[in-house]
């Protein structure tokens, strides 16, 4: 791994742009998760809490997969449905 002092100006700019875009996507994803949790709480599926991060895509209680996909029958959503960012 390169020392950051060894990076060129263009490389530093590229990393800075990547960080900025990733930060924006993370903010948007947090908003999506918040809305999803609120929607499920209003539907009386989950308690309105941020301490537990149930799946926002199916009725599985917790991550039930051993791979990158949910093993709940008929689902197969990716693991990030449980991240609860």
PDB file of N, CA and C in Angstrom:
ATOM      1  N   UNK A   1       0.841  -1.177   0.000  1.00  0.00           N
ATOM      2  CA  UNK A   1       0.000   0.000   0.000  1.00  0.00           C
ATOM      3  C   UNK A   1       0.885   1.239   0.000  1.00  0.00           C
ATOM      4  N   UNK A   2       0.529   2.198  -0.826  1.00  0.00           N
ATOM      5  CA  UNK A   2       1.310   3.421  -0.910  1.00  0.00           C
ATOM      6  C   UNK A   2       1.070   4.323   0.287  1.00  0.00           C
ATOM      7  N   UNK A   3       2.107   5.016   0.681  1.00  0.00           N
ATOM      8  CA  UNK A   3       1.972   6.077   1.676  1.00  0.00           C
ATOM      9  C   UNK A   3       1.246   7.224   0.988  1.00  0.00           C
ATOM     10  N   UNK A   4       0.288   7.841   1.684  1.00  0.00           N
ATOM     11  CA  UNK A   4      -0.477   8.924   1.053  1.00  0.00           C
ATOM     12  C   UNK A   4       0.406  10.079   0.615  1.00  0.00           C
ATOM     13  N   UNK A   5       1.567  10.219   1.222  1.00  0.00           N
ATOM     14  CA  UNK A   5       2.497  11.274   0.806  1.00  0.00           C
ATOM     15  C   UNK A   5       3.058  10.999  -0.587  1.00  0.00           C
ATOM     16  N   UNK A   6       2.999   9.754  -1.010  1.00  0.00           N
ATOM     17  CA  UNK A   6       3.526   9.375  -2.322  1.00  0.00           C
ATOM     18  C   UNK A   6       2.503   9.540  -3.445  1.00  0.00           C
ATOM     19  N   UNK A   7       1.256   9.843  -3.107  1.00  0.00           N
ATOM     20  CA  UNK A   7       0.216   9.969  -4.122  1.00  0.00           C
ATOM     21  C   UNK A   7       0.412  11.241  -4.942  1.00  0.00           C
ATOM     22  N   UNK A   8       0.067  11.142  -6.198  1.00  0.00           N
ATOM     23  CA  UNK A   8       0.119  12.325  -7.053  1.00  0.00           C
ATOM     24  C   UNK A   8      -1.079  13.215  -6.752  1.00  0.00           C
ATOM     25  N   UNK A   9      -1.045  14.420  -7.241  1.00  0.00           N
ATOM     26  CA  UNK A   9      -2.162  15.349  -7.058  1.00  0.00           C
ATOM     27  C   UNK A   9      -3.442  14.770  -7.658  1.00  0.00           C
ATOM     28  N   UNK A  10      -3.342  14.176  -8.842  1.00  0.00           N
ATOM     29  CA  UNK A  10      -4.523  13.586  -9.487  1.00  0.00           C
ATOM     30  C   UNK A  10      -5.073  12.408  -8.685  1.00  0.00           C
ATOM     31  N   UNK A  11      -4.186  11.599  -8.122  1.00  0.00           N
ATOM     32  CA  UNK A  11      -4.635  10.471  -7.306  1.00  0.00           C
ATOM     33  C   UNK A  11      -5.344  10.957  -6.047  1.00  0.00           C
ATOM     34  N   UNK A  12      -4.788  11.990  -5.414  1.00  0.00           N
ATOM     35  CA  UNK A  12      -5.428  12.556  -4.221  1.00  0.00           C
ATOM     36  C   UNK A  12      -6.801  13.115  -4.568  1.00  0.00           C
ATOM     37  N   UNK A  13      -6.921  13.786  -5.701  1.00  0.00           N
ATOM     38  CA  UNK A  13      -8.220  14.322  -6.133  1.00  0.00           C
ATOM     39  C   UNK A  13      -9.210  13.194  -6.390  1.00  0.00           C
ATOM     40  N   UNK A  14      -8.727  12.112  -7.021  1.00  0.00           N
ATOM     41  CA  UNK A  14      -9.609  10.976  -7.308  1.00  0.00           C
ATOM     42  C   UNK A  14     -10.140  10.368  -6.011  1.00  0.00           C
ATOM     43  N   UNK A  15      -9.264  10.176  -5.015  1.00  0.00           N
ATOM     44  CA  UNK A  15      -9.709   9.640  -3.733  1.00  0.00           C
ATOM     45  C   UNK A  15     -10.678  10.592  -3.044  1.00  0.00           C
ATOM     46  N   UNK A  16     -10.406  11.884  -3.114  1.00  0.00           N
ATOM     47  CA  UNK A  16     -11.298  12.868  -2.486  1.00  0.00           C
ATOM     48  C   UNK A  16     -12.677  12.836  -3.145  1.00  0.00           C
ATOM     49  N   UNK A  17     -12.715  12.737  -4.468  1.00  0.00           N
ATOM     50  CA  UNK A  17     -13.993  12.663  -5.181  1.00  0.00           C
ATOM     51  C   UNK A  17     -14.737  11.385  -4.805  1.00  0.00           C
ATOM     52  N   UNK A  18     -14.007  10.279  -4.692  1.00  0.00           N
ATOM     53  CA  UNK A  18     -14.632   9.012  -4.287  1.00  0.00           C
ATOM     54  C   UNK A  18     -15.234   9.118  -2.893  1.00  0.00           C
ATOM     55  N   UNK A  19     -14.469   9.694  -1.957  1.00  0.00           N
ATOM     56  CA  UNK A  19     -14.979   9.856  -0.588  1.00  0.00           C
ATOM     57  C   UNK A  19     -16.246  10.689  -0.580  1.00  0.00           C
ATOM     58  N   UNK A  20     -16.248  11.772  -1.342  1.00  0.00           N
ATOM     59  CA  UNK A  20     -17.409  12.663  -1.387  1.00  0.00           C
ATOM     60  C   UNK A  20     -18.641  11.930  -1.911  1.00  0.00           C
ATOM     61  N   UNK A  21     -18.487  11.196  -3.013  1.00  0.00           N
ATOM     62  CA  UNK A  21     -19.621  10.474  -3.594  1.00  0.00           C
ATOM     63  C   UNK A  21     -20.109   9.358  -2.675  1.00  0.00           C
ATOM     64  N   UNK A  22     -19.190   8.642  -2.056  1.00  0.00           N
ATOM     65  CA  UNK A  22     -19.577   7.567  -1.142  1.00  0.00           C
ATOM     66  C   UNK A  22     -20.325   8.153   0.049  1.00  0.00           C
ATOM     67  N   UNK A  23     -19.865   9.274   0.567  1.00  0.00           N
ATOM     68  CA  UNK A  23     -20.539   9.928   1.682  1.00  0.00           C
ATOM     69  C   UNK A  23     -21.973  10.303   1.296  1.00  0.00           C
ATOM     70  N   UNK A  24     -22.168  10.842   0.099  1.00  0.00           N
ATOM     71  CA  UNK A  24     -23.506  11.215  -0.358  1.00  0.00           C
ATOM     72  C   UNK A  24     -24.422   9.997  -0.453  1.00  0.00           C
ATOM     73  N   UNK A  25     -23.903   8.906  -0.995  1.00  0.00           N
ATOM     74  CA  UNK A  25     -24.697   7.679  -1.118  1.00  0.00           C
ATOM     75  C   UNK A  25     -25.039   7.134   0.270  1.00  0.00           C
ATOM     76  N   UNK A  26     -24.089   7.172   1.196  1.00  0.00           N
ATOM     77  CA  UNK A  26     -24.361   6.707   2.552  1.00  0.00           C
ATOM     78  C   UNK A  26     -25.463   7.532   3.209  1.00  0.00           C
ATOM     79  N   UNK A  27     -25.455   8.845   2.998  1.00  0.00           N
ATOM     80  CA  UNK A  27     -26.508   9.699   3.543  1.00  0.00           C
ATOM     81  C   UNK A  27     -27.865   9.315   2.964  1.00  0.00           C
ATOM     82  N   UNK A  28     -27.900   9.098   1.646  1.00  0.00           N
ATOM     83  CA  UNK A  28     -29.157   8.707   1.012  1.00  0.00           C
ATOM     84  C   UNK A  28     -29.631   7.363   1.525  1.00  0.00           C
ATOM     85  N   UNK A  29     -28.714   6.425   1.691  1.00  0.00           N
ATOM     86  CA  UNK A  29     -29.082   5.096   2.175  1.00  0.00           C
ATOM     87  C   UNK A  29     -29.600   5.153   3.605  1.00  0.00           C
ATOM     88  N   UNK A  30     -28.991   5.997   4.453  1.00  0.00           N
ATOM     89  CA  UNK A  30     -29.498   6.170   5.815  1.00  0.00           C
ATOM     90  C   UNK A  30     -30.937   6.664   5.792  1.00  0.00           C
ATOM     91  N   UNK A  31     -31.243   7.589   4.898  1.00  0.00           N
ATOM     92  CA  UNK A  31     -32.609   8.106   4.778  1.00  0.00           C
ATOM     93  C   UNK A  31     -33.569   7.014   4.328  1.00  0.00           C
ATOM     94  N   UNK A  32     -33.141   6.177   3.396  1.00  0.00           N
ATOM     95  CA  UNK A  32     -33.977   5.076   2.924  1.00  0.00           C
ATOM     96  C   UNK A  32     -34.259   4.112   4.072  1.00  0.00           C
ATOM     97  N   UNK A  33     -33.234   3.773   4.855  1.00  0.00           N
ATOM     98  CA  UNK A  33     -33.422   2.869   5.987  1.00  0.00           C
ATOM     99  C   UNK A  33     -34.352   3.473   7.028  1.00  0.00           C
ATOM    100  N   UNK A  34     -34.193   4.746   7.318  1.00  0.00           N
ATOM    101  CA  UNK A  34     -35.054   5.413   8.296  1.00  0.00           C
ATOM    102  C   UNK A  34     -36.512   5.367   7.829  1.00  0.00           C
ATOM    103  N   UNK A  35     -36.753   5.681   6.579  1.00  0.00           N
ATOM    104  CA  UNK A  35     -38.104   5.635   6.019  1.00  0.00           C
ATOM    105  C   UNK A  35     -38.653   4.217   6.054  1.00  0.00           C
ATOM    106  N   UNK A  36     -37.815   3.244   5.710  1.00  0.00           N
ATOM    107  CA  UNK A  36     -38.256   1.844   5.718  1.00  0.00           C
ATOM    108  C   UNK A  36     -38.636   1.399   7.118  1.00  0.00           C
ATOM    109  N   UNK A  37     -37.814   1.748   8.113  1.00  0.00           N
ATOM    110  CA  UNK A  37     -38.143   1.375   9.495  1.00  0.00           C
ATOM    111  C   UNK A  37     -39.434   2.044   9.949  1.00  0.00           C
ATOM    112  N   UNK A  38     -39.602   3.322   9.604  1.00  0.00           N
ATOM    113  CA  UNK A  38     -40.834   4.029   9.975  1.00  0.00           C
ATOM    114  C   UNK A  38     -42.051   3.376   9.328  1.00  0.00           C
ATOM    115  N   UNK A  39     -41.915   2.997   8.080  1.00  0.00           N
ATOM    116  CA  UNK A  39     -43.012   2.353   7.358  1.00  0.00           C
ATOM    117  C   UNK A  39     -43.386   1.035   8.026  1.00  0.00           C
ATOM    118  N   UNK A  40     -42.382   0.235   8.400  1.00  0.00           N
ATOM    119  CA  UNK A  40     -42.645  -1.050   9.051  1.00  0.00           C
ATOM    120  C   UNK A  40     -43.203  -0.864  10.456  1.00  0.00           C
ATOM    121  N   UNK A  41     -42.776   0.182  11.155  1.00  0.00           N
ATOM    122  CA  UNK A  41     -43.330   0.473  12.490  1.00  0.00           C
ATOM    123  C   UNK A  41     -44.792   0.896  12.369  1.00  0.00           C
ATOM    124  N   UNK A  42     -45.102   1.724  11.381  1.00  0.00           N
ATOM    125  CA  UNK A  42     -46.492   2.146  11.167  1.00  0.00           C
ATOM    126  C   UNK A  42     -47.379   0.963  10.807  1.00  0.00           C
ATOM    127  N   UNK A  43     -46.830  -0.012  10.123  1.00  0.00           N
ATOM    128  CA  UNK A  43     -47.580  -1.212   9.756  1.00  0.00           C
ATOM    129  C   UNK A  43     -47.600  -2.236  10.902  1.00  0.00           C
ATOM    130  N   UNK A  44     -47.053  -1.844  12.062  1.00  0.00           N
ATOM    131  CA  UNK A  44     -47.000  -2.679  13.253  1.00  0.00           C
ATOM    132  C   UNK A  44     -46.220  -3.974  13.045  1.00  0.00           C
ATOM    133  N   UNK A  45     -45.182  -3.903  12.213  1.00  0.00           N
ATOM    134  CA  UNK A  45     -44.330  -5.069  12.004  1.00  0.00           C
ATOM    135  C   UNK A  45     -43.157  -5.049  12.972  1.00  0.00           C
ATOM    136  N   UNK A  46     -42.608  -3.868  13.222  1.00  0.00           N
ATOM    137  CA  UNK A  46     -41.479  -3.740  14.144  1.00  0.00           C
ATOM    138  C   UNK A  46     -41.766  -2.625  15.139  1.00  0.00           C
ATOM    139  N   UNK A  47     -41.071  -2.661  16.246  1.00  0.00           N
ATOM    140  CA  UNK A  47     -41.147  -1.555  17.200  1.00  0.00           C
ATOM    141  C   UNK A  47     -40.333  -0.397  16.629  1.00  0.00           C
ATOM    142  N   UNK A  48     -40.771   0.826  16.853  1.00  0.00           N
ATOM    143  CA  UNK A  48     -40.035   1.972  16.315  1.00  0.00           C
ATOM    144  C   UNK A  48     -38.736   2.203  17.087  1.00  0.00           C
ATOM    145  N   UNK A  49     -37.712   1.447  16.756  1.00  0.00           N
ATOM    146  CA  UNK A  49     -36.430   1.532  17.446  1.00  0.00           C
ATOM    147  C   UNK A  49     -35.298   1.553  16.444  1.00  0.00           C
ATOM    148  N   UNK A  50     -34.181   2.061  16.863  1.00  0.00           N
ATOM    149  CA  UNK A  50     -32.990   2.032  16.016  1.00  0.00           C
ATOM    150  C   UNK A  50     -31.953   1.079  16.597  1.00  0.00           C
ATOM    151  N   UNK A  51     -32.311   0.387  17.671  1.00  0.00           N
ATOM    152  CA  UNK A  51     -31.377  -0.524  18.316  1.00  0.00           C
ATOM    153  C   UNK A  51     -31.300  -1.862  17.596  1.00  0.00           C
ATOM    154  N   UNK A  52     -32.361  -2.257  16.948  1.00  0.00           N
ATOM    155  CA  UNK A  52     -32.416  -3.529  16.242  1.00  0.00           C
ATOM    156  C   UNK A  52     -32.633  -3.223  14.769  1.00  0.00           C
ATOM    157  N   UNK A  53     -31.961  -3.923  13.914  1.00  0.00           N
ATOM    158  CA  UNK A  53     -32.078  -3.662  12.488  1.00  0.00           C
ATOM    159  C   UNK A  53     -32.665  -4.867  11.772  1.00  0.00           C
ATOM    160  N   UNK A  54     -33.992  -4.991  11.812  1.00  0.00           N
ATOM    161  CA  UNK A  54     -34.619  -6.113  11.116  1.00  0.00           C
ATOM    162  C   UNK A  54     -34.497  -5.916   9.606  1.00  0.00           C
ATOM    163  N   UNK A  55     -34.771  -6.966   8.912  1.00  0.00           N
ATOM    164  CA  UNK A  55     -34.738  -6.884   7.457  1.00  0.00           C
ATOM    165  C   UNK A  55     -35.799  -5.890   6.991  1.00  0.00           C
ATOM    166  N   UNK A  56     -35.463  -5.092   6.011  1.00  0.00           N
ATOM    167  CA  UNK A  56     -36.442  -4.158   5.466  1.00  0.00           C
ATOM    168  C   UNK A  56     -37.040  -4.668   4.161  1.00  0.00           C
ATOM    169  N   UNK A  57     -36.642  -5.882   3.736  1.00  0.00           N
ATOM    170  CA  UNK A  57     -37.135  -6.410   2.469  1.00  0.00           C
ATOM    171  C   UNK A  57     -38.034  -7.636   2.598  1.00  0.00           C
ATOM    172  N   UNK A  58     -37.897  -8.390   3.687  1.00  0.00           N
ATOM    173  CA  UNK A  58     -38.756  -9.563   3.850  1.00  0.00           C
ATOM    174  C   UNK A  58     -39.022  -9.777   5.332  1.00  0.00           C
ATOM    175  N   UNK A  59     -39.738 -10.819   5.658  1.00  0.00           N
ATOM    176  CA  UNK A  59     -40.152 -11.049   7.040  1.00  0.00           C
ATOM    177  C   UNK A  59     -39.147 -11.859   7.856  1.00  0.00           C
ATOM    178  N   UNK A  60     -37.935 -12.024   7.380  1.00  0.00           N
ATOM    179  CA  UNK A  60     -36.959 -12.766   8.175  1.00  0.00           C
ATOM    180  C   UNK A  60     -36.595 -11.940   9.405  1.00  0.00           C
ATOM    181  N   UNK A  61     -36.395 -12.602  10.521  1.00  0.00           N
ATOM    182  CA  UNK A  61     -36.129 -11.911  11.779  1.00  0.00           C
ATOM    183  C   UNK A  61     -34.732 -11.325  11.814  1.00  0.00           C
ATOM    184  N   UNK A  62     -33.767 -12.090  11.419  1.00  0.00           N
ATOM    185  CA  UNK A  62     -32.378 -11.673  11.395  1.00  0.00           C
ATOM    186  C   UNK A  62     -31.755 -12.255  10.135  1.00  0.00           C
ATOM    187  N   UNK A  63     -30.526 -11.877   9.880  1.00  0.00           N
ATOM    188  CA  UNK A  63     -29.852 -12.400   8.687  1.00  0.00           C
ATOM    189  C   UNK A  63     -29.801 -13.905   8.774  1.00  0.00           C
ATOM    190  N   UNK A  64     -30.392 -14.578   7.787  1.00  0.00           N
ATOM    191  CA  UNK A  64     -30.477 -16.033   7.816  1.00  0.00           C
ATOM    192  C   UNK A  64     -29.611 -16.674   6.752  1.00  0.00           C
ATOM    193  N   UNK A  65     -28.795 -15.878   6.112  1.00  0.00           N
ATOM    194  CA  UNK A  65     -27.976 -16.404   5.031  1.00  0.00           C
ATOM    195  C   UNK A  65     -26.561 -16.695   5.462  1.00  0.00           C
ATOM    196  N   UNK A  66     -25.950 -17.610   4.784  1.00  0.00           N
ATOM    197  CA  UNK A  66     -24.546 -17.905   5.029  1.00  0.00           C
ATOM    198  C   UNK A  66     -23.703 -17.330   3.911  1.00  0.00           C
ATOM    199  N   UNK A  67     -24.351 -16.889   2.863  1.00  0.00           N
ATOM    200  CA  UNK A  67     -23.639 -16.281   1.747  1.00  0.00           C
ATOM    201  C   UNK A  67     -24.023 -14.807   1.703  1.00  0.00           C
ATOM    202  N   UNK A  68     -23.969 -14.216   0.561  1.00  0.00           N
ATOM    203  CA  UNK A  68     -24.323 -12.805   0.419  1.00  0.00           C
ATOM    204  C   UNK A  68     -25.805 -12.608   0.116  1.00  0.00           C
ATOM    205  N   UNK A  69     -26.595 -13.676   0.190  1.00  0.00           N
ATOM    206  CA  UNK A  69     -28.030 -13.598  -0.076  1.00  0.00           C
ATOM    207  C   UNK A  69     -28.810 -14.242   1.053  1.00  0.00           C
ATOM    208  N   UNK A  70     -30.014 -13.731   1.293  1.00  0.00           N
ATOM    209  CA  UNK A  70     -30.872 -14.281   2.341  1.00  0.00           C
ATOM    210  C   UNK A  70     -31.331 -15.680   1.935  1.00  0.00           C
ATOM    211  N   UNK A  71     -31.274 -16.599   2.891  1.00  0.00           N
ATOM    212  CA  UNK A  71     -31.711 -17.970   2.634  1.00  0.00           C
ATOM    213  C   UNK A  71     -33.187 -18.184   2.936  1.00  0.00           C
ATOM    214  N   UNK A  72     -33.896 -17.126   3.362  1.00  0.00           N
ATOM    215  CA  UNK A  72     -35.318 -17.260   3.624  1.00  0.00           C
ATOM    216  C   UNK A  72     -36.011 -17.658   2.324  1.00  0.00           C
ATOM    217  N   UNK A  73     -36.900 -18.640   2.408  1.00  0.00           N
ATOM    218  CA  UNK A  73     -37.561 -19.169   1.226  1.00  0.00           C
ATOM    219  C   UNK A  73     -38.235 -18.068   0.416  1.00  0.00           C
ATOM    220  N   UNK A  74     -37.941 -18.028  -0.865  1.00  0.00           N
ATOM    221  CA  UNK A  74     -38.556 -17.074  -1.777  1.00  0.00           C
ATOM    222  C   UNK A  74     -37.993 -15.664  -1.693  1.00  0.00           C
ATOM    223  N   UNK A  75     -36.910 -15.467  -0.955  1.00  0.00           N
ATOM    224  CA  UNK A  75     -36.395 -14.114  -0.786  1.00  0.00           C
ATOM    225  C   UNK A  75     -35.122 -13.915  -1.604  1.00  0.00           C
ATOM    226  N   UNK A  76     -34.003 -14.098  -0.972  1.00  0.00           N
ATOM    227  CA  UNK A  76     -32.727 -13.938  -1.667  1.00  0.00           C
ATOM    228  C   UNK A  76     -32.211 -12.511  -1.686  1.00  0.00           C
ATOM    229  N   UNK A  77     -32.733 -11.633  -0.798  1.00  0.00           N
ATOM    230  CA  UNK A  77     -32.247 -10.252  -0.788  1.00  0.00           C
ATOM    231  C   UNK A  77     -30.796 -10.214  -0.324  1.00  0.00           C
ATOM    232  N   UNK A  78     -30.073  -9.161  -0.689  1.00  0.00           N
ATOM    233  CA  UNK A  78     -28.680  -9.049  -0.253  1.00  0.00           C
ATOM    234  C   UNK A  78     -28.588  -8.677   1.217  1.00  0.00           C
ATOM    235  N   UNK A  79     -27.417  -8.888   1.795  1.00  0.00           N
ATOM    236  CA  UNK A  79     -27.204  -8.639   3.219  1.00  0.00           C
ATOM    237  C   UNK A  79     -27.419  -7.208   3.646  1.00  0.00           C
ATOM    238  N   UNK A  80     -27.270  -6.237   2.752  1.00  0.00           N
ATOM    239  CA  UNK A  80     -27.395  -4.849   3.187  1.00  0.00           C
ATOM    240  C   UNK A  80     -28.806  -4.487   3.606  1.00  0.00           C
ATOM    241  N   UNK A  81     -29.779  -5.366   3.385  1.00  0.00           N
ATOM    242  CA  UNK A  81     -31.138  -5.113   3.872  1.00  0.00           C
ATOM    243  C   UNK A  81     -31.180  -5.176   5.398  1.00  0.00           C
ATOM    244  N   UNK A  82     -30.095  -5.664   6.011  1.00  0.00           N
ATOM    245  CA  UNK A  82     -30.013  -5.780   7.463  1.00  0.00           C
ATOM    246  C   UNK A  82     -29.001  -4.809   8.077  1.00  0.00           C
ATOM    247  N   UNK A  83     -28.328  -4.048   7.282  1.00  0.00           N
ATOM    248  CA  UNK A  83     -27.264  -3.192   7.821  1.00  0.00           C
ATOM    249  C   UNK A  83     -27.798  -2.159   8.781  1.00  0.00           C
ATOM    250  N   UNK A  84     -28.917  -1.559   8.434  1.00  0.00           N
ATOM    251  CA  UNK A  84     -29.492  -0.551   9.299  1.00  0.00           C
ATOM    252  C   UNK A  84     -28.606   0.655   9.489  1.00  0.00           C
ATOM    253  N   UNK A  85     -28.039   1.083   8.432  1.00  0.00           N
ATOM    254  CA  UNK A  85     -27.120   2.218   8.493  1.00  0.00           C
ATOM    255  C   UNK A  85     -27.804   3.426   9.113  1.00  0.00           C
TER     256      UNK A  85
END
